[in-house]
PDB file of all heavy atoms in Angstrom:
ATOM      1  N   THR A   1     -30.195  14.015 -83.708  1.00  0.00           N
ATOM      2  CA  THR A   1     -29.476  14.103 -84.956  1.00  0.00           C
ATOM      3  C   THR A   1     -27.980  13.983 -84.686  1.00  0.00           C
ATOM      4  O   THR A   1     -27.513  14.083 -83.548  1.00  0.00           O
ATOM      5  CB  THR A   1     -29.726  15.468 -85.628  1.00  0.00           C
ATOM      6  OG1 THR A   1     -29.163  16.499 -84.818  1.00  0.00           O
ATOM      7  CG2 THR A   1     -31.223  15.711 -85.850  1.00  0.00           C
ATOM      8  N   ASP A   2     -27.208  13.741 -85.756  1.00  0.00           N
ATOM      9  CA  ASP A   2     -25.760  13.696 -85.650  1.00  0.00           C
ATOM     10  C   ASP A   2     -25.226  15.004 -84.988  1.00  0.00           C
ATOM     11  O   ASP A   2     -24.321  14.955 -84.174  1.00  0.00           O
ATOM     12  CB  ASP A   2     -25.112  13.518 -87.003  1.00  0.00           C
ATOM     13  CG  ASP A   2     -25.386  12.142 -87.618  1.00  0.00           C
ATOM     14  OD1 ASP A   2     -26.100  11.334 -86.956  1.00  0.00           O
ATOM     15  OD2 ASP A   2     -24.904  11.891 -88.737  1.00  0.00           O
ATOM     16  N   ALA A   3     -25.763  16.135 -85.479  1.00  0.00           N
ATOM     17  CA  ALA A   3     -25.298  17.432 -84.965  1.00  0.00           C
ATOM     18  C   ALA A   3     -25.583  17.560 -83.448  1.00  0.00           C
ATOM     19  O   ALA A   3     -24.773  18.095 -82.695  1.00  0.00           O
ATOM     20  CB  ALA A   3     -25.940  18.572 -85.726  1.00  0.00           C
ATOM     21  N   GLN A   4     -26.755  17.110 -83.018  1.00  0.00           N
ATOM     22  CA  GLN A   4     -27.093  17.169 -81.599  1.00  0.00           C
ATOM     23  C   GLN A   4     -26.150  16.280 -80.778  1.00  0.00           C
ATOM     24  O   GLN A   4     -25.695  16.663 -79.694  1.00  0.00           O
ATOM     25  CB  GLN A   4     -28.547  16.796 -81.380  1.00  0.00           C
ATOM     26  CG  GLN A   4     -29.518  17.838 -81.872  1.00  0.00           C
ATOM     27  CD  GLN A   4     -30.955  17.335 -81.783  1.00  0.00           C
ATOM     28  OE1 GLN A   4     -31.259  16.201 -82.137  1.00  0.00           O
ATOM     29  NE2 GLN A   4     -31.853  18.223 -81.286  1.00  0.00           N
ATOM     30  N   MET A   5     -25.876  15.065 -81.287  1.00  0.00           N
ATOM     31  CA  MET A   5     -24.959  14.192 -80.543  1.00  0.00           C
ATOM     32  C   MET A   5     -23.590  14.829 -80.437  1.00  0.00           C
ATOM     33  O   MET A   5     -22.995  14.810 -79.346  1.00  0.00           O
ATOM     34  CB  MET A   5     -24.869  12.845 -81.257  1.00  0.00           C
ATOM     35  CG  MET A   5     -26.138  12.003 -81.213  1.00  0.00           C
ATOM     36  SD  MET A   5     -25.919  10.392 -82.037  1.00  0.00           S
ATOM     37  CE  MET A   5     -27.605   9.803 -82.093  1.00  0.00           C
ATOM     38  N   ALA A   6     -23.110  15.407 -81.537  1.00  0.00           N
ATOM     39  CA  ALA A   6     -21.790  16.061 -81.517  1.00  0.00           C
ATOM     40  C   ALA A   6     -21.778  17.216 -80.515  1.00  0.00           C
ATOM     41  O   ALA A   6     -20.781  17.443 -79.807  1.00  0.00           O
ATOM     42  CB  ALA A   6     -21.401  16.495 -82.870  1.00  0.00           C
ATOM     43  N   ALA A   7     -22.875  17.959 -80.453  1.00  0.00           N
ATOM     44  CA  ALA A   7     -22.954  19.105 -79.569  1.00  0.00           C
ATOM     45  C   ALA A   7     -22.953  18.658 -78.113  1.00  0.00           C
ATOM     46  O   ALA A   7     -22.306  19.290 -77.254  1.00  0.00           O
ATOM     47  CB  ALA A   7     -24.232  19.912 -79.855  1.00  0.00           C
ATOM     48  N   VAL A   8     -23.674  17.592 -77.796  1.00  0.00           N
ATOM     49  CA  VAL A   8     -23.677  17.072 -76.403  1.00  0.00           C
ATOM     50  C   VAL A   8     -22.289  16.597 -76.046  1.00  0.00           C
ATOM     51  O   VAL A   8     -21.814  16.864 -74.911  1.00  0.00           O
ATOM     52  CB  VAL A   8     -24.708  15.936 -76.297  1.00  0.00           C
ATOM     53  CG1 VAL A   8     -24.584  15.267 -74.895  1.00  0.00           C
ATOM     54  CG2 VAL A   8     -26.137  16.476 -76.436  1.00  0.00           C
ATOM     55  N   ALA A   9     -21.608  15.894 -76.944  1.00  0.00           N
ATOM     56  CA  ALA A   9     -20.280  15.405 -76.654  1.00  0.00           C
ATOM     57  C   ALA A   9     -19.296  16.542 -76.415  1.00  0.00           C
ATOM     58  O   ALA A   9     -18.414  16.485 -75.517  1.00  0.00           O
ATOM     59  CB  ALA A   9     -19.778  14.499 -77.804  1.00  0.00           C
ATOM     60  N   SER A  10     -19.417  17.614 -77.167  1.00  0.00           N
ATOM     61  CA  SER A  10     -18.582  18.788 -76.951  1.00  0.00           C
ATOM     62  C   SER A  10     -18.886  19.444 -75.616  1.00  0.00           C
ATOM     63  O   SER A  10     -17.976  19.878 -74.921  1.00  0.00           O
ATOM     64  CB  SER A  10     -18.758  19.785 -78.103  1.00  0.00           C
ATOM     65  OG  SER A  10     -18.044  20.945 -77.901  1.00  0.00           O
ATOM     66  N   TRP A  11     -20.161  19.470 -75.283  1.00  0.00           N
ATOM     67  CA  TRP A  11     -20.602  20.093 -74.033  1.00  0.00           C
ATOM     68  C   TRP A  11     -20.152  19.316 -72.800  1.00  0.00           C
ATOM     69  O   TRP A  11     -19.706  19.929 -71.815  1.00  0.00           O
ATOM     70  CB  TRP A  11     -22.108  20.227 -74.087  1.00  0.00           C
ATOM     71  CG  TRP A  11     -22.724  20.650 -72.771  1.00  0.00           C
ATOM     72  CD1 TRP A  11     -22.677  21.873 -72.201  1.00  0.00           C
ATOM     73  CD2 TRP A  11     -23.517  19.845 -71.901  1.00  0.00           C
ATOM     74  NE1 TRP A  11     -23.342  21.900 -71.007  1.00  0.00           N
ATOM     75  CE2 TRP A  11     -23.892  20.664 -70.798  1.00  0.00           C
ATOM     76  CE3 TRP A  11     -23.953  18.515 -71.948  1.00  0.00           C
ATOM     77  CZ2 TRP A  11     -24.675  20.182 -69.774  1.00  0.00           C
ATOM     78  CZ3 TRP A  11     -24.742  18.065 -70.927  1.00  0.00           C
ATOM     79  CH2 TRP A  11     -25.093  18.874 -69.832  1.00  0.00           C
ATOM     80  N   THR A  12     -20.260  17.982 -72.823  1.00  0.00           N
ATOM     81  CA  THR A  12     -19.834  17.229 -71.633  1.00  0.00           C
ATOM     82  C   THR A  12     -18.318  17.347 -71.458  1.00  0.00           C
ATOM     83  O   THR A  12     -17.837  17.295 -70.314  1.00  0.00           O
ATOM     84  CB  THR A  12     -20.192  15.729 -71.772  1.00  0.00           C
ATOM     85  OG1 THR A  12     -19.432  15.123 -72.821  1.00  0.00           O
ATOM     86  CG2 THR A  12     -21.660  15.543 -71.992  1.00  0.00           C
ATOM     87  N   ASN A  13     -17.589  17.510 -72.565  1.00  0.00           N
ATOM     88  CA  ASN A  13     -16.130  17.715 -72.537  1.00  0.00           C
ATOM     89  C   ASN A  13     -15.428  16.528 -71.863  1.00  0.00           C
ATOM     90  O   ASN A  13     -14.304  16.670 -71.358  1.00  0.00           O
ATOM     91  CB  ASN A  13     -15.770  18.992 -71.828  1.00  0.00           C
ATOM     92  CG  ASN A  13     -14.361  19.479 -72.229  1.00  0.00           C
ATOM     93  OD1 ASN A  13     -13.938  19.292 -73.346  1.00  0.00           O
ATOM     94  ND2 ASN A  13     -13.665  20.093 -71.283  1.00  0.00           N
ATOM     95  N   LEU A  14     -16.023  15.337 -71.924  1.00  0.00           N
ATOM     96  CA  LEU A  14     -15.332  14.122 -71.510  1.00  0.00           C
ATOM     97  C   LEU A  14     -14.606  13.515 -72.708  1.00  0.00           C
ATOM     98  O   LEU A  14     -14.871  13.873 -73.831  1.00  0.00           O
ATOM     99  CB  LEU A  14     -16.341  13.119 -70.921  1.00  0.00           C
ATOM    100  CG  LEU A  14     -17.074  13.566 -69.653  1.00  0.00           C
ATOM    101  CD1 LEU A  14     -18.147  12.513 -69.307  1.00  0.00           C
ATOM    102  CD2 LEU A  14     -16.115  13.784 -68.487  1.00  0.00           C
ATOM    103  N   SER A  15     -13.748  12.590 -72.443  1.00  0.00           N
ATOM    104  CA  SER A  15     -13.020  11.954 -73.549  1.00  0.00           C
ATOM    105  C   SER A  15     -13.978  11.288 -74.502  1.00  0.00           C
ATOM    106  O   SER A  15     -13.792  11.292 -75.719  1.00  0.00           O
ATOM    107  CB  SER A  15     -11.961  10.975 -73.042  1.00  0.00           C
ATOM    108  OG  SER A  15     -12.535   9.964 -72.238  1.00  0.00           O
ATOM    109  N   GLU A  16     -15.102  10.732 -73.986  1.00  0.00           N
ATOM    110  CA  GLU A  16     -16.138  10.188 -74.851  1.00  0.00           C
ATOM    111  C   GLU A  16     -17.531  10.350 -74.211  1.00  0.00           C
ATOM    112  O   GLU A  16     -17.686  10.285 -72.983  1.00  0.00           O
ATOM    113  CB  GLU A  16     -15.923   8.687 -75.144  1.00  0.00           C
ATOM    114  CG  GLU A  16     -14.946   8.399 -76.226  1.00  0.00           C
ATOM    115  CD  GLU A  16     -13.603   7.960 -75.680  1.00  0.00           C
ATOM    116  OE1 GLU A  16     -13.470   7.841 -74.451  1.00  0.00           O
ATOM    117  OE2 GLU A  16     -12.647   7.751 -76.487  1.00  0.00           O
ATOM    118  N   THR A  17     -18.502  10.545 -75.090  1.00  0.00           N
ATOM    119  CA  THR A  17     -19.909  10.526 -74.747  1.00  0.00           C
ATOM    120  C   THR A  17     -20.590   9.573 -75.684  1.00  0.00           C
ATOM    121  O   THR A  17     -20.290   9.549 -76.878  1.00  0.00           O
ATOM    122  CB  THR A  17     -20.534  11.948 -74.913  1.00  0.00           C
ATOM    123  OG1 THR A  17     -19.860  12.854 -74.006  1.00  0.00           O
ATOM    124  CG2 THR A  17     -22.009  11.959 -74.595  1.00  0.00           C
ATOM    125  N   THR A  18     -21.490   8.723 -75.153  1.00  0.00           N
ATOM    126  CA  THR A  18     -22.125   7.705 -75.983  1.00  0.00           C
ATOM    127  C   THR A  18     -23.630   7.908 -76.014  1.00  0.00           C
ATOM    128  O   THR A  18     -24.229   8.506 -75.156  1.00  0.00           O
ATOM    129  CB  THR A  18     -21.800   6.282 -75.496  1.00  0.00           C
ATOM    130  OG1 THR A  18     -22.446   6.078 -74.231  1.00  0.00           O
ATOM    131  CG2 THR A  18     -20.304   6.084 -75.348  1.00  0.00           C
ATOM    132  N   PHE A  19     -24.232   7.269 -77.072  1.00  0.00           N
ATOM    133  CA  PHE A  19     -25.680   7.330 -77.255  1.00  0.00           C
ATOM    134  C   PHE A  19     -26.191   5.958 -77.521  1.00  0.00           C
ATOM    135  O   PHE A  19     -25.731   5.255 -78.458  1.00  0.00           O
ATOM    136  CB  PHE A  19     -25.944   8.309 -78.441  1.00  0.00           C
ATOM    137  CG  PHE A  19     -25.428   9.682 -78.195  1.00  0.00           C
ATOM    138  CD1 PHE A  19     -24.119  10.010 -78.490  1.00  0.00           C
ATOM    139  CD2 PHE A  19     -26.257  10.652 -77.636  1.00  0.00           C
ATOM    140  CE1 PHE A  19     -23.619  11.289 -78.247  1.00  0.00           C
ATOM    141  CE2 PHE A  19     -25.780  11.936 -77.370  1.00  0.00           C
ATOM    142  CZ  PHE A  19     -24.462  12.229 -77.693  1.00  0.00           C
ATOM    143  N   LEU A  20     -27.105   5.536 -76.692  1.00  0.00           N
ATOM    144  CA  LEU A  20     -27.728   4.199 -76.792  1.00  0.00           C
ATOM    145  C   LEU A  20     -28.920   4.288 -77.730  1.00  0.00           C
ATOM    146  O   LEU A  20     -29.830   5.123 -77.529  1.00  0.00           O
ATOM    147  CB  LEU A  20     -28.158   3.716 -75.424  1.00  0.00           C
ATOM    148  CG  LEU A  20     -27.067   3.291 -74.455  1.00  0.00           C
ATOM    149  CD1 LEU A  20     -27.606   3.183 -73.045  1.00  0.00           C
ATOM    150  CD2 LEU A  20     -26.443   1.970 -74.882  1.00  0.00           C
ATOM    151  N   LEU A  21     -28.973   3.401 -78.729  1.00  0.00           N
ATOM    152  CA  LEU A  21     -30.039   3.401 -79.704  1.00  0.00           C
ATOM    153  C   LEU A  21     -30.534   1.969 -79.938  1.00  0.00           C
ATOM    154  O   LEU A  21     -29.884   1.016 -79.518  1.00  0.00           O
ATOM    155  CB  LEU A  21     -29.534   3.965 -81.041  1.00  0.00           C
ATOM    156  CG  LEU A  21     -28.896   5.344 -81.012  1.00  0.00           C
ATOM    157  CD1 LEU A  21     -27.381   5.214 -81.045  1.00  0.00           C
ATOM    158  CD2 LEU A  21     -29.352   6.160 -82.168  1.00  0.00           C
ATOM    159  N   ALA A  22     -31.696   1.853 -80.580  1.00  0.00           N
ATOM    160  CA  ALA A  22     -32.198   0.528 -80.937  1.00  0.00           C
ATOM    161  C   ALA A  22     -31.254  -0.122 -81.946  1.00  0.00           C
ATOM    162  O   ALA A  22     -30.758   0.537 -82.842  1.00  0.00           O
ATOM    163  CB  ALA A  22     -33.582   0.656 -81.537  1.00  0.00           C
ATOM    164  N   PRO A  23     -31.007  -1.411 -81.816  1.00  0.00           N
ATOM    165  CA  PRO A  23     -30.112  -2.098 -82.733  1.00  0.00           C
ATOM    166  C   PRO A  23     -30.727  -2.244 -84.137  1.00  0.00           C
ATOM    167  O   PRO A  23     -31.951  -2.291 -84.283  1.00  0.00           O
ATOM    168  CB  PRO A  23     -29.896  -3.462 -82.098  1.00  0.00           C
ATOM    169  CG  PRO A  23     -31.127  -3.695 -81.309  1.00  0.00           C
ATOM    170  CD  PRO A  23     -31.584  -2.330 -80.803  1.00  0.00           C
ATOM    171  N   THR A  24     -29.866  -2.278 -85.138  1.00  0.00           N
ATOM    172  CA  THR A  24     -30.303  -2.636 -86.509  1.00  0.00           C
ATOM    173  C   THR A  24     -29.974  -4.076 -86.841  1.00  0.00           C
ATOM    174  O   THR A  24     -30.496  -4.628 -87.809  1.00  0.00           O
ATOM    175  CB  THR A  24     -29.637  -1.701 -87.528  1.00  0.00           C
ATOM    176  OG1 THR A  24     -28.218  -1.834 -87.478  1.00  0.00           O
ATOM    177  CG2 THR A  24     -30.004  -0.247 -87.225  1.00  0.00           C
ATOM    178  N   ASP A  25     -29.063  -4.687 -86.073  1.00  0.00           N
ATOM    179  CA  ASP A  25     -28.690  -6.083 -86.236  1.00  0.00           C
ATOM    180  C   ASP A  25     -29.470  -6.910 -85.226  1.00  0.00           C
ATOM    181  O   ASP A  25     -29.402  -6.644 -84.000  1.00  0.00           O
ATOM    182  CB  ASP A  25     -27.176  -6.212 -86.026  1.00  0.00           C
ATOM    183  CG  ASP A  25     -26.636  -7.621 -86.404  1.00  0.00           C
ATOM    184  OD1 ASP A  25     -27.328  -8.604 -86.102  1.00  0.00           O
ATOM    185  OD2 ASP A  25     -25.546  -7.704 -87.025  1.00  0.00           O
ATOM    186  N   PRO A  26     -30.197  -7.931 -85.685  1.00  0.00           N
ATOM    187  CA  PRO A  26     -30.966  -8.742 -84.705  1.00  0.00           C
ATOM    188  C   PRO A  26     -30.135  -9.482 -83.683  1.00  0.00           C
ATOM    189  O   PRO A  26     -30.677  -9.912 -82.650  1.00  0.00           O
ATOM    190  CB  PRO A  26     -31.740  -9.724 -85.595  1.00  0.00           C
ATOM    191  CG  PRO A  26     -30.987  -9.746 -86.910  1.00  0.00           C
ATOM    192  CD  PRO A  26     -30.380  -8.375 -87.069  1.00  0.00           C
ATOM    193  N   ALA A  27     -28.848  -9.614 -83.956  1.00  0.00           N
ATOM    194  CA  ALA A  27     -27.990 -10.321 -82.961  1.00  0.00           C
ATOM    195  C   ALA A  27     -27.530  -9.385 -81.813  1.00  0.00           C
ATOM    196  O   ALA A  27     -26.943  -9.883 -80.849  1.00  0.00           O
ATOM    197  CB  ALA A  27     -26.753 -10.879 -83.666  1.00  0.00           C
ATOM    198  N   ALA A  28     -27.840  -8.091 -81.931  1.00  0.00           N
ATOM    199  CA  ALA A  28     -27.379  -7.118 -80.928  1.00  0.00           C
ATOM    200  C   ALA A  28     -28.495  -6.775 -79.948  1.00  0.00           C
ATOM    201  O   ALA A  28     -29.690  -6.829 -80.284  1.00  0.00           O
ATOM    202  CB  ALA A  28     -26.871  -5.852 -81.592  1.00  0.00           C
ATOM    203  N   ASP A  29     -28.105  -6.404 -78.760  1.00  0.00           N
ATOM    204  CA  ASP A  29     -29.061  -5.954 -77.733  1.00  0.00           C
ATOM    205  C   ASP A  29     -29.285  -4.433 -77.844  1.00  0.00           C
ATOM    206  O   ASP A  29     -30.376  -3.957 -77.478  1.00  0.00           O
ATOM    207  CB  ASP A  29     -28.549  -6.287 -76.351  1.00  0.00           C
ATOM    208  CG  ASP A  29     -28.527  -7.786 -76.086  1.00  0.00           C
ATOM    209  OD1 ASP A  29     -29.600  -8.382 -76.051  1.00  0.00           O
ATOM    210  OD2 ASP A  29     -27.433  -8.349 -75.896  1.00  0.00           O
ATOM    211  N   TYR A  30     -28.307  -3.689 -78.257  1.00  0.00           N
ATOM    212  CA  TYR A  30     -28.439  -2.252 -78.446  1.00  0.00           C
ATOM    213  C   TYR A  30     -27.361  -1.782 -79.419  1.00  0.00           C
ATOM    214  O   TYR A  30     -26.409  -2.501 -79.686  1.00  0.00           O
ATOM    215  CB  TYR A  30     -28.297  -1.495 -77.146  1.00  0.00           C
ATOM    216  CG  TYR A  30     -27.044  -1.726 -76.379  1.00  0.00           C
ATOM    217  CD1 TYR A  30     -25.865  -1.041 -76.692  1.00  0.00           C
ATOM    218  CD2 TYR A  30     -26.970  -2.718 -75.359  1.00  0.00           C
ATOM    219  CE1 TYR A  30     -24.681  -1.288 -75.987  1.00  0.00           C
ATOM    220  CE2 TYR A  30     -25.781  -2.968 -74.681  1.00  0.00           C
ATOM    221  CZ  TYR A  30     -24.638  -2.273 -75.010  1.00  0.00           C
ATOM    222  OH  TYR A  30     -23.460  -2.499 -74.341  1.00  0.00           O
ATOM    223  N   ARG A  31     -27.571  -0.580 -79.952  1.00  0.00           N
ATOM    224  CA  ARG A  31     -26.556   0.048 -80.811  1.00  0.00           C
ATOM    225  C   ARG A  31     -25.962   1.217 -80.088  1.00  0.00           C
ATOM    226  O   ARG A  31     -26.631   1.902 -79.339  1.00  0.00           O
ATOM    227  CB  ARG A  31     -27.219   0.489 -82.130  1.00  0.00           C
ATOM    228  CG  ARG A  31     -26.260   1.062 -83.159  1.00  0.00           C
ATOM    229  CD  ARG A  31     -26.898   1.068 -84.550  1.00  0.00           C
ATOM    230  NE  ARG A  31     -28.082   1.894 -84.616  1.00  0.00           N
ATOM    231  CZ  ARG A  31     -28.102   3.127 -85.071  1.00  0.00           C
ATOM    232  NH1 ARG A  31     -26.954   3.750 -85.480  1.00  0.00           N
ATOM    233  NH2 ARG A  31     -29.228   3.809 -85.115  1.00  0.00           N
ATOM    234  N   LEU A  32     -24.650   1.437 -80.315  1.00  0.00           N
ATOM    235  CA  LEU A  32     -23.935   2.498 -79.585  1.00  0.00           C
ATOM    236  C   LEU A  32     -23.204   3.378 -80.579  1.00  0.00           C
ATOM    237  O   LEU A  32     -22.533   2.897 -81.472  1.00  0.00           O
ATOM    238  CB  LEU A  32     -22.925   1.870 -78.650  1.00  0.00           C
ATOM    239  CG  LEU A  32     -22.342   2.882 -77.575  1.00  0.00           C
ATOM    240  CD1 LEU A  32     -23.421   3.225 -76.550  1.00  0.00           C
ATOM    241  CD2 LEU A  32     -21.135   2.224 -76.874  1.00  0.00           C
ATOM    242  N   ARG A  33     -23.378   4.676 -80.388  1.00  0.00           N
ATOM    243  CA  ARG A  33     -22.564   5.658 -81.128  1.00  0.00           C
ATOM    244  C   ARG A  33     -21.692   6.382 -80.112  1.00  0.00           C
ATOM    245  O   ARG A  33     -22.123   6.716 -79.043  1.00  0.00           O
ATOM    246  CB  ARG A  33     -23.434   6.645 -81.899  1.00  0.00           C
ATOM    247  CG  ARG A  33     -24.245   5.937 -83.028  1.00  0.00           C
ATOM    248  CD  ARG A  33     -25.009   6.892 -83.869  1.00  0.00           C
ATOM    249  NE  ARG A  33     -24.123   7.780 -84.631  1.00  0.00           N
ATOM    250  CZ  ARG A  33     -24.581   8.739 -85.476  1.00  0.00           C
ATOM    251  NH1 ARG A  33     -25.875   8.888 -85.653  1.00  0.00           N
ATOM    252  NH2 ARG A  33     -23.722   9.514 -86.140  1.00  0.00           N
ATOM    253  N   ILE A  34     -20.434   6.606 -80.516  1.00  0.00           N
ATOM    254  CA  ILE A  34     -19.394   7.042 -79.608  1.00  0.00           C
ATOM    255  C   ILE A  34     -18.774   8.313 -80.169  1.00  0.00           C
ATOM    256  O   ILE A  34     -18.256   8.329 -81.263  1.00  0.00           O
ATOM    257  CB  ILE A  34     -18.321   5.979 -79.436  1.00  0.00           C
ATOM    258  CG1 ILE A  34     -18.942   4.646 -78.983  1.00  0.00           C
ATOM    259  CG2 ILE A  34     -17.246   6.426 -78.448  1.00  0.00           C
ATOM    260  CD1 ILE A  34     -18.007   3.442 -79.133  1.00  0.00           C
ATOM    261  N   PHE A  35     -18.795   9.403 -79.356  1.00  0.00           N
ATOM    262  CA  PHE A  35     -18.265  10.678 -79.784  1.00  0.00           C
ATOM    263  C   PHE A  35     -17.200  11.149 -78.811  1.00  0.00           C
ATOM    264  O   PHE A  35     -17.402  11.093 -77.603  1.00  0.00           O
ATOM    265  CB  PHE A  35     -19.355  11.738 -79.873  1.00  0.00           C
ATOM    266  CG  PHE A  35     -20.297  11.586 -81.025  1.00  0.00           C
ATOM    267  CD1 PHE A  35     -21.283  10.623 -81.027  1.00  0.00           C
ATOM    268  CD2 PHE A  35     -20.200  12.396 -82.158  1.00  0.00           C
ATOM    269  CE1 PHE A  35     -22.160  10.474 -82.076  1.00  0.00           C
ATOM    270  CE2 PHE A  35     -21.063  12.272 -83.226  1.00  0.00           C
ATOM    271  CZ  PHE A  35     -22.044  11.302 -83.210  1.00  0.00           C
ATOM    272  N   THR A  36     -16.081  11.700 -79.355  1.00  0.00           N
ATOM    273  CA  THR A  36     -15.164  12.525 -78.541  1.00  0.00           C
ATOM    274  C   THR A  36     -15.666  13.982 -78.645  1.00  0.00           C
ATOM    275  O   THR A  36     -16.631  14.224 -79.343  1.00  0.00           O
ATOM    276  CB  THR A  36     -13.719  12.371 -79.072  1.00  0.00           C
ATOM    277  OG1 THR A  36     -13.590  13.202 -80.278  1.00  0.00           O
ATOM    278  CG2 THR A  36     -13.362  10.953 -79.393  1.00  0.00           C
ATOM    279  N   PRO A  37     -14.979  14.925 -77.987  1.00  0.00           N
ATOM    280  CA  PRO A  37     -15.436  16.293 -78.176  1.00  0.00           C
ATOM    281  C   PRO A  37     -15.279  16.810 -79.588  1.00  0.00           C
ATOM    282  O   PRO A  37     -15.908  17.838 -79.911  1.00  0.00           O
ATOM    283  CB  PRO A  37     -14.472  17.084 -77.223  1.00  0.00           C
ATOM    284  CG  PRO A  37     -14.132  16.080 -76.169  1.00  0.00           C
ATOM    285  CD  PRO A  37     -14.025  14.762 -76.869  1.00  0.00           C
TER     286      PRO A  37
END
């Protein structure tokens, strides 16, 4: 969930934490969500 992603990003405490997901656009190989703390 969004809340879980945000919690992991806060926990790693790096400038960014990313999450690899299946793409929704057929032209893409993967989808990426990017969180700061």
